[in-house]
Amino acid sequence: MELLLTILTALAGAVLLFALAIALFLVLRTLQSVRGYIEKINFGVRAIEKETEMLAGVDKLNGGLTALAGGLESVGAHFANVDRNVGTVGEALLRR
């Protein structure tokens, strides 16, 4: 009887180890599949990074454009003064 229980225990242990090996193999296949997707995502991210390298100077360009906008506002104010002065001179010339 003890021999039979020992054999059954060993057989159950072997079945457990076999099931564990199959489960680990299935997990390995799934992880390899996920790895393939991650490599594709990584490739896409690198491509996006390469394509957007030129945008690194946007902050400098934005600062320059902000300064230009300030200068253009000043020019607009000067043109408004010139327009007002020309209007005054025009009215004075028409009165004569």
PDB file of N, CA and C in Angstrom:
ATOM      1  N   MET A   1       0.815  -1.200   0.000  1.00  0.00           N
ATOM      2  CA  MET A   1       0.000   0.000   0.000  1.00  0.00           C
ATOM      3  C   MET A   1       0.862   1.269   0.000  1.00  0.00           C
ATOM      4  N   GLU A   2       1.930   1.228   0.809  1.00  0.00           N
ATOM      5  CA  GLU A   2       2.819   2.392   0.864  1.00  0.00           C
ATOM      6  C   GLU A   2       3.504   2.613  -0.471  1.00  0.00           C
ATOM      7  N   LEU A   3       3.843   1.530  -1.134  1.00  0.00           N
ATOM      8  CA  LEU A   3       4.492   1.640  -2.435  1.00  0.00           C
ATOM      9  C   LEU A   3       3.542   2.270  -3.451  1.00  0.00           C
ATOM     10  N   LEU A   4       2.292   1.895  -3.411  1.00  0.00           N
ATOM     11  CA  LEU A   4       1.294   2.461  -4.320  1.00  0.00           C
ATOM     12  C   LEU A   4       1.112   3.957  -4.062  1.00  0.00           C
ATOM     13  N   LEU A   5       1.036   4.361  -2.792  1.00  0.00           N
ATOM     14  CA  LEU A   5       0.893   5.780  -2.449  1.00  0.00           C
ATOM     15  C   LEU A   5       2.142   6.566  -2.871  1.00  0.00           C
ATOM     16  N   THR A   6       3.285   5.980  -2.729  1.00  0.00           N
ATOM     17  CA  THR A   6       4.525   6.641  -3.134  1.00  0.00           C
ATOM     18  C   THR A   6       4.545   6.838  -4.647  1.00  0.00           C
ATOM     19  N   ILE A   7       4.144   5.815  -5.379  1.00  0.00           N
ATOM     20  CA  ILE A   7       4.109   5.906  -6.844  1.00  0.00           C
ATOM     21  C   ILE A   7       3.081   6.944  -7.288  1.00  0.00           C
ATOM     22  N   LEU A   8       1.906   6.949  -6.659  1.00  0.00           N
ATOM     23  CA  LEU A   8       0.876   7.938  -7.000  1.00  0.00           C
ATOM     24  C   LEU A   8       1.332   9.355  -6.670  1.00  0.00           C
ATOM     25  N   THR A   9       2.029   9.528  -5.561  1.00  0.00           N
ATOM     26  CA  THR A   9       2.550  10.847  -5.185  1.00  0.00           C
ATOM     27  C   THR A   9       3.592  11.313  -6.190  1.00  0.00           C
ATOM     28  N   ALA A  10       4.478  10.414  -6.580  1.00  0.00           N
ATOM     29  CA  ALA A  10       5.503  10.759  -7.570  1.00  0.00           C
ATOM     30  C   ALA A  10       4.848  11.091  -8.904  1.00  0.00           C
ATOM     31  N   LEU A  11       3.838  10.304  -9.278  1.00  0.00           N
ATOM     32  CA  LEU A  11       3.115  10.552 -10.526  1.00  0.00           C
ATOM     33  C   LEU A  11       2.392  11.904 -10.474  1.00  0.00           C
ATOM     34  N   ALA A  12       1.767  12.231  -9.347  1.00  0.00           N
ATOM     35  CA  ALA A  12       1.088  13.517  -9.195  1.00  0.00           C
ATOM     36  C   ALA A  12       2.096  14.668  -9.258  1.00  0.00           C
ATOM     37  N   GLY A  13       3.264  14.474  -8.635  1.00  0.00           N
ATOM     38  CA  GLY A  13       4.312  15.492  -8.703  1.00  0.00           C
ATOM     39  C   GLY A  13       4.796  15.698 -10.127  1.00  0.00           C
ATOM     40  N   ALA A  14       4.937  14.593 -10.879  1.00  0.00           N
ATOM     41  CA  ALA A  14       5.380  14.693 -12.271  1.00  0.00           C
ATOM     42  C   ALA A  14       4.341  15.404 -13.119  1.00  0.00           C
ATOM     43  N   VAL A  15       3.065  15.098 -12.899  1.00  0.00           N
ATOM     44  CA  VAL A  15       1.991  15.776 -13.632  1.00  0.00           C
ATOM     45  C   VAL A  15       1.985  17.264 -13.294  1.00  0.00           C
ATOM     46  N   LEU A  16       2.178  17.584 -12.022  1.00  0.00           N
ATOM     47  CA  LEU A  16       2.222  18.991 -11.600  1.00  0.00           C
ATOM     48  C   LEU A  16       3.383  19.711 -12.273  1.00  0.00           C
ATOM     49  N   LEU A  17       4.560  19.089 -12.302  1.00  0.00           N
ATOM     50  CA  LEU A  17       5.713  19.708 -12.949  1.00  0.00           C
ATOM     51  C   LEU A  17       5.491  19.864 -14.456  1.00  0.00           C
ATOM     52  N   PHE A  18       4.863  18.855 -15.077  1.00  0.00           N
ATOM     53  CA  PHE A  18       4.560  18.932 -16.506  1.00  0.00           C
ATOM     54  C   PHE A  18       3.575  20.063 -16.793  1.00  0.00           C
ATOM     55  N   ALA A  19       2.543  20.200 -15.972  1.00  0.00           N
ATOM     56  CA  ALA A  19       1.562  21.280 -16.144  1.00  0.00           C
ATOM     57  C   ALA A  19       2.223  22.633 -15.926  1.00  0.00           C
ATOM     58  N   LEU A  20       3.112  22.706 -14.947  1.00  0.00           N
ATOM     59  CA  LEU A  20       3.828  23.954 -14.686  1.00  0.00           C
ATOM     60  C   LEU A  20       4.727  24.316 -15.865  1.00  0.00           C
ATOM     61  N   ALA A  21       5.392  23.346 -16.455  1.00  0.00           N
ATOM     62  CA  ALA A  21       6.254  23.595 -17.613  1.00  0.00           C
ATOM     63  C   ALA A  21       5.434  24.088 -18.796  1.00  0.00           C
ATOM     64  N   ILE A  22       4.262  23.487 -19.024  1.00  0.00           N
ATOM     65  CA  ILE A  22       3.400  23.929 -20.126  1.00  0.00           C
ATOM     66  C   ILE A  22       2.907  25.353 -19.881  1.00  0.00           C
ATOM     67  N   ALA A  23       2.510  25.651 -18.651  1.00  0.00           N
ATOM     68  CA  ALA A  23       2.030  26.994 -18.327  1.00  0.00           C
ATOM     69  C   ALA A  23       3.137  28.032 -18.523  1.00  0.00           C
ATOM     70  N   LEU A  24       4.343  27.696 -18.095  1.00  0.00           N
ATOM     71  CA  LEU A  24       5.465  28.623 -18.275  1.00  0.00           C
ATOM     72  C   LEU A  24       5.794  28.809 -19.747  1.00  0.00           C
ATOM     73  N   PHE A  25       5.668  27.758 -20.533  1.00  0.00           N
ATOM     74  CA  PHE A  25       5.898  27.871 -21.974  1.00  0.00           C
ATOM     75  C   PHE A  25       4.853  28.792 -22.620  1.00  0.00           C
ATOM     76  N   LEU A  26       3.604  28.667 -22.206  1.00  0.00           N
ATOM     77  CA  LEU A  26       2.550  29.532 -22.742  1.00  0.00           C
ATOM     78  C   LEU A  26       2.772  30.996 -22.344  1.00  0.00           C
ATOM     79  N   VAL A  27       3.227  31.212 -21.114  1.00  0.00           N
ATOM     80  CA  VAL A  27       3.534  32.576 -20.665  1.00  0.00           C
ATOM     81  C   VAL A  27       4.692  33.138 -21.478  1.00  0.00           C
ATOM     82  N   LEU A  28       5.697  32.299 -21.740  1.00  0.00           N
ATOM     83  CA  LEU A  28       6.837  32.737 -22.536  1.00  0.00           C
ATOM     84  C   LEU A  28       6.410  33.150 -23.947  1.00  0.00           C
ATOM     85  N   ARG A  29       5.551  32.366 -24.584  1.00  0.00           N
ATOM     86  CA  ARG A  29       5.066  32.706 -25.927  1.00  0.00           C
ATOM     87  C   ARG A  29       4.302  34.025 -25.919  1.00  0.00           C
ATOM     88  N   THR A  30       3.492  34.237 -24.892  1.00  0.00           N
ATOM     89  CA  THR A  30       2.732  35.488 -24.786  1.00  0.00           C
ATOM     90  C   THR A  30       3.674  36.679 -24.611  1.00  0.00           C
ATOM     91  N   LEU A  31       4.677  36.503 -23.761  1.00  0.00           N
ATOM     92  CA  LEU A  31       5.629  37.595 -23.549  1.00  0.00           C
ATOM     93  C   LEU A  31       6.433  37.891 -24.810  1.00  0.00           C
ATOM     94  N   GLN A  32       6.761  36.870 -25.582  1.00  0.00           N
ATOM     95  CA  GLN A  32       7.467  37.104 -26.838  1.00  0.00           C
ATOM     96  C   GLN A  32       6.587  37.858 -27.823  1.00  0.00           C
ATOM     97  N   SER A  33       5.306  37.565 -27.833  1.00  0.00           N
ATOM     98  CA  SER A  33       4.376  38.292 -28.700  1.00  0.00           C
ATOM     99  C   SER A  33       4.289  39.753 -28.268  1.00  0.00           C
ATOM    100  N   VAL A  34       4.200  39.985 -26.981  1.00  0.00           N
ATOM    101  CA  VAL A  34       4.139  41.356 -26.460  1.00  0.00           C
ATOM    102  C   VAL A  34       5.427  42.094 -26.791  1.00  0.00           C
ATOM    103  N   ARG A  35       6.551  41.385 -26.720  1.00  0.00           N
ATOM    104  CA  ARG A  35       7.833  42.003 -27.037  1.00  0.00           C
ATOM    105  C   ARG A  35       7.839  42.514 -28.477  1.00  0.00           C
ATOM    106  N   GLY A  36       7.253  41.740 -29.394  1.00  0.00           N
ATOM    107  CA  GLY A  36       7.181  42.174 -30.787  1.00  0.00           C
ATOM    108  C   GLY A  36       6.397  43.472 -30.930  1.00  0.00           C
ATOM    109  N   TYR A  37       5.276  43.575 -30.229  1.00  0.00           N
ATOM    110  CA  TYR A  37       4.480  44.805 -30.288  1.00  0.00           C
ATOM    111  C   TYR A  37       5.243  45.985 -29.678  1.00  0.00           C
ATOM    112  N   ILE A  38       5.940  45.724 -28.584  1.00  0.00           N
ATOM    113  CA  ILE A  38       6.702  46.800 -27.933  1.00  0.00           C
ATOM    114  C   ILE A  38       7.823  47.281 -28.849  1.00  0.00           C
ATOM    115  N   GLU A  39       8.454  46.363 -29.578  1.00  0.00           N
ATOM    116  CA  GLU A  39       9.501  46.773 -30.520  1.00  0.00           C
ATOM    117  C   GLU A  39       8.922  47.636 -31.636  1.00  0.00           C
ATOM    118  N   LYS A  40       7.724  47.308 -32.106  1.00  0.00           N
ATOM    119  CA  LYS A  40       7.081  48.128 -33.145  1.00  0.00           C
ATOM    120  C   LYS A  40       6.741  49.512 -32.608  1.00  0.00           C
ATOM    121  N   ILE A  41       6.243  49.569 -31.377  1.00  0.00           N
ATOM    122  CA  ILE A  41       5.919  50.863 -30.759  1.00  0.00           C
ATOM    123  C   ILE A  41       7.188  51.685 -30.592  1.00  0.00           C
ATOM    124  N   ASN A  42       8.258  51.043 -30.143  1.00  0.00           N
ATOM    125  CA  ASN A  42       9.533  51.731 -29.961  1.00  0.00           C
ATOM    126  C   ASN A  42      10.038  52.281 -31.289  1.00  0.00           C
ATOM    127  N   PHE A  43       9.902  51.520 -32.354  1.00  0.00           N
ATOM    128  CA  PHE A  43      10.310  51.976 -33.681  1.00  0.00           C
ATOM    129  C   PHE A  43       9.498  53.204 -34.100  1.00  0.00           C
ATOM    130  N   GLY A  44       8.188  53.173 -33.831  1.00  0.00           N
ATOM    131  CA  GLY A  44       7.337  54.314 -34.169  1.00  0.00           C
ATOM    132  C   GLY A  44       7.691  55.558 -33.383  1.00  0.00           C
ATOM    133  N   VAL A  45       7.987  55.383 -32.108  1.00  0.00           N
ATOM    134  CA  VAL A  45       8.353  56.529 -31.269  1.00  0.00           C
ATOM    135  C   VAL A  45       9.661  57.137 -31.752  1.00  0.00           C
ATOM    136  N   ARG A  46      10.611  56.295 -32.126  1.00  0.00           N
ATOM    137  CA  ARG A  46      11.880  56.820 -32.649  1.00  0.00           C
ATOM    138  C   ARG A  46      11.667  57.570 -33.957  1.00  0.00           C
ATOM    139  N   ALA A  47      10.777  57.059 -34.797  1.00  0.00           N
ATOM    140  CA  ALA A  47      10.490  57.753 -36.055  1.00  0.00           C
ATOM    141  C   ALA A  47       9.864  59.112 -35.786  1.00  0.00           C
ATOM    142  N   ILE A  48       8.945  59.173 -34.839  1.00  0.00           N
ATOM    143  CA  ILE A  48       8.320  60.456 -34.486  1.00  0.00           C
ATOM    144  C   ILE A  48       9.368  61.406 -33.924  1.00  0.00           C
ATOM    145  N   GLU A  49      10.244  60.894 -33.082  1.00  0.00           N
ATOM    146  CA  GLU A  49      11.300  61.732 -32.509  1.00  0.00           C
ATOM    147  C   GLU A  49      12.191  62.296 -33.612  1.00  0.00           C
ATOM    148  N   LYS A  50      12.531  61.470 -34.579  1.00  0.00           N
ATOM    149  CA  LYS A  50      13.387  61.912 -35.688  1.00  0.00           C
ATOM    150  C   LYS A  50      12.678  62.974 -36.529  1.00  0.00           C
ATOM    151  N   GLU A  51      11.381  62.767 -36.780  1.00  0.00           N
ATOM    152  CA  GLU A  51      10.629  63.702 -37.618  1.00  0.00           C
ATOM    153  C   GLU A  51      10.386  65.042 -36.921  1.00  0.00           C
ATOM    154  N   THR A  52      10.376  65.061 -35.596  1.00  0.00           N
ATOM    155  CA  THR A  52      10.083  66.296 -34.868  1.00  0.00           C
ATOM    156  C   THR A  52      11.327  66.961 -34.303  1.00  0.00           C
ATOM    157  N   GLU A  53      12.517  66.513 -34.719  1.00  0.00           N
ATOM    158  CA  GLU A  53      13.754  67.147 -34.239  1.00  0.00           C
ATOM    159  C   GLU A  53      13.798  68.631 -34.560  1.00  0.00           C
ATOM    160  N   MET A  54      13.270  68.984 -35.722  1.00  0.00           N
ATOM    161  CA  MET A  54      13.342  70.379 -36.153  1.00  0.00           C
ATOM    162  C   MET A  54      12.500  71.308 -35.280  1.00  0.00           C
ATOM    163  N   LEU A  55      11.602  70.760 -34.493  1.00  0.00           N
ATOM    164  CA  LEU A  55      10.757  71.595 -33.641  1.00  0.00           C
ATOM    165  C   LEU A  55      11.474  72.044 -32.373  1.00  0.00           C
ATOM    166  N   ALA A  56      12.730  71.648 -32.206  1.00  0.00           N
ATOM    167  CA  ALA A  56      13.474  72.031 -31.007  1.00  0.00           C
ATOM    168  C   ALA A  56      13.677  73.546 -30.943  1.00  0.00           C
ATOM    169  N   GLY A  57      13.740  74.225 -32.078  1.00  0.00           N
ATOM    170  CA  GLY A  57      13.961  75.665 -32.094  1.00  0.00           C
ATOM    171  C   GLY A  57      12.690  76.487 -32.016  1.00  0.00           C
ATOM    172  N   VAL A  58      11.565  75.842 -31.737  1.00  0.00           N
ATOM    173  CA  VAL A  58      10.291  76.564 -31.707  1.00  0.00           C
ATOM    174  C   VAL A  58      10.278  77.594 -30.578  1.00  0.00           C
ATOM    175  N   ASP A  59      10.861  77.285 -29.439  1.00  0.00           N
ATOM    176  CA  ASP A  59      10.878  78.249 -28.332  1.00  0.00           C
ATOM    177  C   ASP A  59      11.645  79.514 -28.715  1.00  0.00           C
ATOM    178  N   LYS A  60      12.792  79.331 -29.372  1.00  0.00           N
ATOM    179  CA  LYS A  60      13.571  80.490 -29.810  1.00  0.00           C
ATOM    180  C   LYS A  60      12.791  81.295 -30.852  1.00  0.00           C
ATOM    181  N   LEU A  61      12.169  80.595 -31.784  1.00  0.00           N
ATOM    182  CA  LEU A  61      11.361  81.263 -32.808  1.00  0.00           C
ATOM    183  C   LEU A  61      10.183  82.001 -32.176  1.00  0.00           C
ATOM    184  N   ASN A  62       9.553  81.380 -31.199  1.00  0.00           N
ATOM    185  CA  ASN A  62       8.418  82.004 -30.521  1.00  0.00           C
ATOM    186  C   ASN A  62       8.858  83.282 -29.805  1.00  0.00           C
ATOM    187  N   GLY A  63      10.025  83.252 -29.173  1.00  0.00           N
ATOM    188  CA  GLY A  63      10.535  84.459 -28.516  1.00  0.00           C
ATOM    189  C   GLY A  63      10.791  85.576 -29.519  1.00  0.00           C
ATOM    190  N   GLY A  64      11.373  85.214 -30.665  1.00  0.00           N
ATOM    191  CA  GLY A  64      11.629  86.212 -31.702  1.00  0.00           C
ATOM    192  C   GLY A  64      10.346  86.803 -32.253  1.00  0.00           C
ATOM    193  N   LEU A  65       9.358  85.948 -32.462  1.00  0.00           N
ATOM    194  CA  LEU A  65       8.078  86.440 -32.981  1.00  0.00           C
ATOM    195  C   LEU A  65       7.354  87.315 -31.961  1.00  0.00           C
ATOM    196  N   THR A  66       7.502  87.003 -30.683  1.00  0.00           N
ATOM    197  CA  THR A  66       6.905  87.845 -29.641  1.00  0.00           C
ATOM    198  C   THR A  66       7.539  89.230 -29.652  1.00  0.00           C
ATOM    199  N   ALA A  67       8.872  89.275 -29.788  1.00  0.00           N
ATOM    200  CA  ALA A  67       9.562  90.570 -29.868  1.00  0.00           C
ATOM    201  C   ALA A  67       9.126  91.324 -31.121  1.00  0.00           C
ATOM    202  N   LEU A  68       8.977  90.604 -32.228  1.00  0.00           N
ATOM    203  CA  LEU A  68       8.533  91.233 -33.469  1.00  0.00           C
ATOM    204  C   LEU A  68       7.125  91.801 -33.315  1.00  0.00           C
ATOM    205  N   ALA A  69       6.256  91.070 -32.632  1.00  0.00           N
ATOM    206  CA  ALA A  69       4.886  91.561 -32.415  1.00  0.00           C
ATOM    207  C   ALA A  69       4.906  92.846 -31.605  1.00  0.00           C
ATOM    208  N   GLY A  70       5.760  92.909 -30.591  1.00  0.00           N
ATOM    209  CA  GLY A  70       5.880  94.142 -29.810  1.00  0.00           C
ATOM    210  C   GLY A  70       6.359  95.301 -30.666  1.00  0.00           C
ATOM    211  N   GLY A  71       7.347  95.027 -31.528  1.00  0.00           N
ATOM    212  CA  GLY A  71       7.849  96.074 -32.425  1.00  0.00           C
ATOM    213  C   GLY A  71       6.780  96.532 -33.405  1.00  0.00           C
ATOM    214  N   LEU A  72       5.992  95.593 -33.916  1.00  0.00           N
ATOM    215  CA  LEU A  72       4.934  95.963 -34.857  1.00  0.00           C
ATOM    216  C   LEU A  72       3.831  96.770 -34.184  1.00  0.00           C
ATOM    217  N   GLU A  73       3.575  96.488 -32.925  1.00  0.00           N
ATOM    218  CA  GLU A  73       2.602  97.317 -32.193  1.00  0.00           C
ATOM    219  C   GLU A  73       3.108  98.746 -32.083  1.00  0.00           C
ATOM    220  N   SER A  74       4.403  98.896 -31.835  1.00  0.00           N
ATOM    221  CA  SER A  74       4.991 100.233 -31.765  1.00  0.00           C
ATOM    222  C   SER A  74       4.893 100.941 -33.119  1.00  0.00           C
ATOM    223  N   VAL A  75       5.158 100.214 -34.196  1.00  0.00           N
ATOM    224  CA  VAL A  75       5.049 100.793 -35.538  1.00  0.00           C
ATOM    225  C   VAL A  75       3.600 101.191 -35.808  1.00  0.00           C
ATOM    226  N   GLY A  76       2.653 100.360 -35.398  1.00  0.00           N
ATOM    227  CA  GLY A  76       1.235 100.687 -35.575  1.00  0.00           C
ATOM    228  C   GLY A  76       0.859 101.959 -34.835  1.00  0.00           C
ATOM    229  N   ALA A  77       1.384 102.114 -33.628  1.00  0.00           N
ATOM    230  CA  ALA A  77       1.106 103.338 -32.871  1.00  0.00           C
ATOM    231  C   ALA A  77       1.687 104.561 -33.587  1.00  0.00           C
ATOM    232  N   HIS A  78       2.884 104.431 -34.151  1.00  0.00           N
ATOM    233  CA  HIS A  78       3.490 105.551 -34.885  1.00  0.00           C
ATOM    234  C   HIS A  78       2.673 105.902 -36.132  1.00  0.00           C
ATOM    235  N   PHE A  79       2.201 104.872 -36.838  1.00  0.00           N
ATOM    236  CA  PHE A  79       1.364 105.144 -38.012  1.00  0.00           C
ATOM    237  C   PHE A  79       0.057 105.822 -37.607  1.00  0.00           C
ATOM    238  N   ALA A  80      -0.498 105.459 -36.464  1.00  0.00           N
ATOM    239  CA  ALA A  80      -1.722 106.119 -35.994  1.00  0.00           C
ATOM    240  C   ALA A  80      -1.447 107.590 -35.716  1.00  0.00           C
ATOM    241  N   ASN A  81      -0.286 107.886 -35.125  1.00  0.00           N
ATOM    242  CA  ASN A  81       0.081 109.293 -34.875  1.00  0.00           C
ATOM    243  C   ASN A  81       0.272 110.044 -36.190  1.00  0.00           C
ATOM    244  N   VAL A  82       0.929 109.389 -37.161  1.00  0.00           N
ATOM    245  CA  VAL A  82       1.139 110.034 -38.465  1.00  0.00           C
ATOM    246  C   VAL A  82      -0.208 110.301 -39.127  1.00  0.00           C
ATOM    247  N   ASP A  83      -1.112 109.329 -39.054  1.00  0.00           N
ATOM    248  CA  ASP A  83      -2.438 109.505 -39.657  1.00  0.00           C
ATOM    249  C   ASP A  83      -3.169 110.679 -39.011  1.00  0.00           C
ATOM    250  N   ARG A  84      -3.089 110.760 -37.681  1.00  0.00           N
ATOM    251  CA  ARG A  84      -3.747 111.864 -36.980  1.00  0.00           C
ATOM    252  C   ARG A  84      -3.123 113.198 -37.377  1.00  0.00           C
ATOM    253  N   ASN A  85      -1.788 113.240 -37.486  1.00  0.00           N
ATOM    254  CA  ASN A  85      -1.119 114.489 -37.859  1.00  0.00           C
ATOM    255  C   ASN A  85      -1.422 114.883 -39.309  1.00  0.00           C
ATOM    256  N   VAL A  86      -1.446 113.882 -40.205  1.00  0.00           N
ATOM    257  CA  VAL A  86      -1.760 114.168 -41.605  1.00  0.00           C
ATOM    258  C   VAL A  86      -3.191 114.675 -41.711  1.00  0.00           C
ATOM    259  N   GLY A  87      -4.092 114.092 -40.921  1.00  0.00           N
ATOM    260  CA  GLY A  87      -5.477 114.566 -40.935  1.00  0.00           C
ATOM    261  C   GLY A  87      -5.566 116.017 -40.474  1.00  0.00           C
ATOM    262  N   THR A  88      -4.802 116.376 -39.460  1.00  0.00           N
ATOM    263  CA  THR A  88      -4.810 117.757 -38.957  1.00  0.00           C
ATOM    264  C   THR A  88      -4.244 118.698 -40.007  1.00  0.00           C
ATOM    265  N   VAL A  89      -3.154 118.295 -40.633  1.00  0.00           N
ATOM    266  CA  VAL A  89      -2.558 119.153 -41.676  1.00  0.00           C
ATOM    267  C   VAL A  89      -3.507 119.267 -42.851  1.00  0.00           C
ATOM    268  N   GLY A  90      -4.157 118.175 -43.228  1.00  0.00           N
ATOM    269  CA  GLY A  90      -5.098 118.201 -44.349  1.00  0.00           C
ATOM    270  C   GLY A  90      -6.264 119.150 -44.084  1.00  0.00           C
ATOM    271  N   GLU A  91      -6.779 119.096 -42.859  1.00  0.00           N
ATOM    272  CA  GLU A  91      -7.882 120.004 -42.516  1.00  0.00           C
ATOM    273  C   GLU A  91      -7.424 121.460 -42.560  1.00  0.00           C
ATOM    274  N   ALA A  92      -6.192 121.687 -42.086  1.00  0.00           N
ATOM    275  CA  ALA A  92      -5.681 123.065 -42.109  1.00  0.00           C
ATOM    276  C   ALA A  92      -5.488 123.551 -43.543  1.00  0.00           C
ATOM    277  N   LEU A  93      -5.057 122.681 -44.408  1.00  0.00           N
ATOM    278  CA  LEU A  93      -4.861 123.075 -45.820  1.00  0.00           C
ATOM    279  C   LEU A  93      -6.186 123.315 -46.518  1.00  0.00           C
ATOM    280  N   LEU A  94      -7.219 122.539 -46.149  1.00  0.00           N
ATOM    281  CA  LEU A  94      -8.528 122.716 -46.772  1.00  0.00           C
ATOM    282  C   LEU A  94      -9.186 124.003 -46.311  1.00  0.00           C
ATOM    283  N   ARG A  95      -8.892 124.469 -45.145  1.00  0.00           N
ATOM    284  CA  ARG A  95      -9.478 125.715 -44.651  1.00  0.00           C
ATOM    285  C   ARG A  95      -8.922 126.921 -45.388  1.00  0.00           C
ATOM    286  N   ARG A  96      -7.810 126.864 -45.922  1.00  0.00           N
ATOM    287  CA  ARG A  96      -7.218 128.027 -46.613  1.00  0.00           C
ATOM    288  C   ARG A  96      -7.852 128.307 -47.871  1.00  0.00           C
TER     289      ARG A  96
END
